[in-house]
Protein backbone atom coordinates (compact mmCIF):
# COMPACT_ATOMS: atom_id res chain seq x y z
CA UNK A 1 0.00 0.00 0.00
CA UNK A 2 1.35 3.42 -0.98
CA UNK A 3 0.74 6.24 1.47
CA UNK A 4 -0.58 9.39 -0.16
CA UNK A 5 1.36 11.66 2.22
CA UNK A 6 4.68 10.10 1.26
CA UNK A 7 3.74 10.10 -2.44
CA UNK A 8 3.03 13.83 -2.38
CA UNK A 9 6.32 14.41 -0.55
CA UNK A 10 8.16 12.35 -3.17
CA UNK A 11 6.57 14.34 -6.00
CA UNK A 12 7.42 17.62 -4.27
CA UNK A 13 11.00 16.48 -3.67
CA UNK A 14 11.38 15.51 -7.33
CA UNK A 15 10.01 18.89 -8.42
CA UNK A 16 12.47 20.67 -6.12
CA UNK A 17 15.39 18.65 -7.49
CA UNK A 18 14.38 19.35 -11.10
CA UNK A 19 14.08 23.09 -10.40
CA UNK A 20 17.51 23.16 -8.76
CA UNK A 21 19.02 21.45 -11.82
CA UNK A 22 17.56 23.88 -14.37
CA UNK A 23 20.30 25.39 -16.51
CA UNK A 24 22.92 22.98 -15.22
CA UNK A 25 24.56 20.36 -17.39
CA UNK A 26 23.82 17.35 -15.18
CA UNK A 27 23.86 14.00 -16.95
CA UNK A 28 23.14 11.72 -14.00
CA UNK A 29 22.49 11.96 -10.28
CA UNK A 30 24.03 9.33 -8.06
CA UNK A 31 22.65 10.26 -4.66
CA UNK A 32 20.43 12.80 -2.93
CA UNK A 33 20.54 13.23 0.85
CA UNK A 34 17.61 14.68 2.75
CA UNK A 35 16.85 15.14 6.42
CA UNK A 36 13.44 14.26 7.82
CA UNK A 37 12.51 15.55 11.24
CA UNK A 38 11.32 13.00 13.78
CA UNK A 39 8.09 14.97 14.29
CA UNK A 40 7.26 15.08 10.56
CA UNK A 41 5.25 11.84 10.73
CA UNK A 42 6.95 10.49 7.60
CA UNK A 43 7.45 6.79 6.99
CA UNK A 44 10.94 6.84 5.47
CA UNK A 45 10.59 3.41 3.84
CA UNK A 46 7.40 4.48 2.09
CA UNK A 47 8.98 7.79 1.06
CA UNK A 48 11.93 5.95 -0.43
CA UNK A 49 9.60 3.57 -2.29
CA UNK A 50 7.42 6.41 -3.59
CA UNK A 51 10.47 8.37 -4.71
CA UNK A 52 11.80 5.37 -6.62
CA UNK A 53 8.49 5.27 -8.52
CA UNK A 54 8.27 8.97 -9.40
CA UNK A 55 11.99 9.43 -10.11
CA UNK A 56 12.18 7.02 -13.04
CA UNK A 57 14.05 8.68 -15.87
CA UNK A 58 17.43 9.21 -17.42
CA UNK A 59 19.29 11.20 -14.77
CA UNK A 60 17.34 9.63 -11.91
CA UNK A 61 17.76 5.97 -12.86
CA UNK A 62 19.67 4.06 -10.17
CA UNK A 63 19.86 7.17 -7.98
CA UNK A 64 20.07 6.55 -4.24
CA UNK A 65 17.84 8.55 -1.91
CA UNK A 66 19.63 8.83 1.43
CA UNK A 67 17.06 9.73 4.10
CA UNK A 68 18.53 10.81 7.41
CA UNK A 69 16.27 11.17 10.43
CA UNK A 70 16.83 14.27 12.50
CA UNK A 71 15.79 14.25 16.13
CA UNK A 72 13.65 17.05 17.47
CA UNK A 73 15.28 19.60 19.76
CA UNK A 74 13.21 21.47 22.31
CA UNK A 75 14.37 24.74 23.85
CA UNK A 76 13.07 26.79 26.74
CA UNK A 77 11.85 30.13 25.39
CA UNK A 78 13.11 31.90 28.52
CA UNK A 79 16.66 30.59 28.86
CA UNK A 80 17.11 28.83 25.48
CA UNK A 81 18.36 25.65 27.14
CA UNK A 82 17.72 22.41 25.34
Foldseek 3Di string as FASTA:
>chain_A
DADPVLLVVLVVVVVVVVVVCPPPDQQAAAEDEDEDEPPNPDDVVNNQVSNQVVQDDGRSPNHYYHYHYDYDDDADPVPRDD
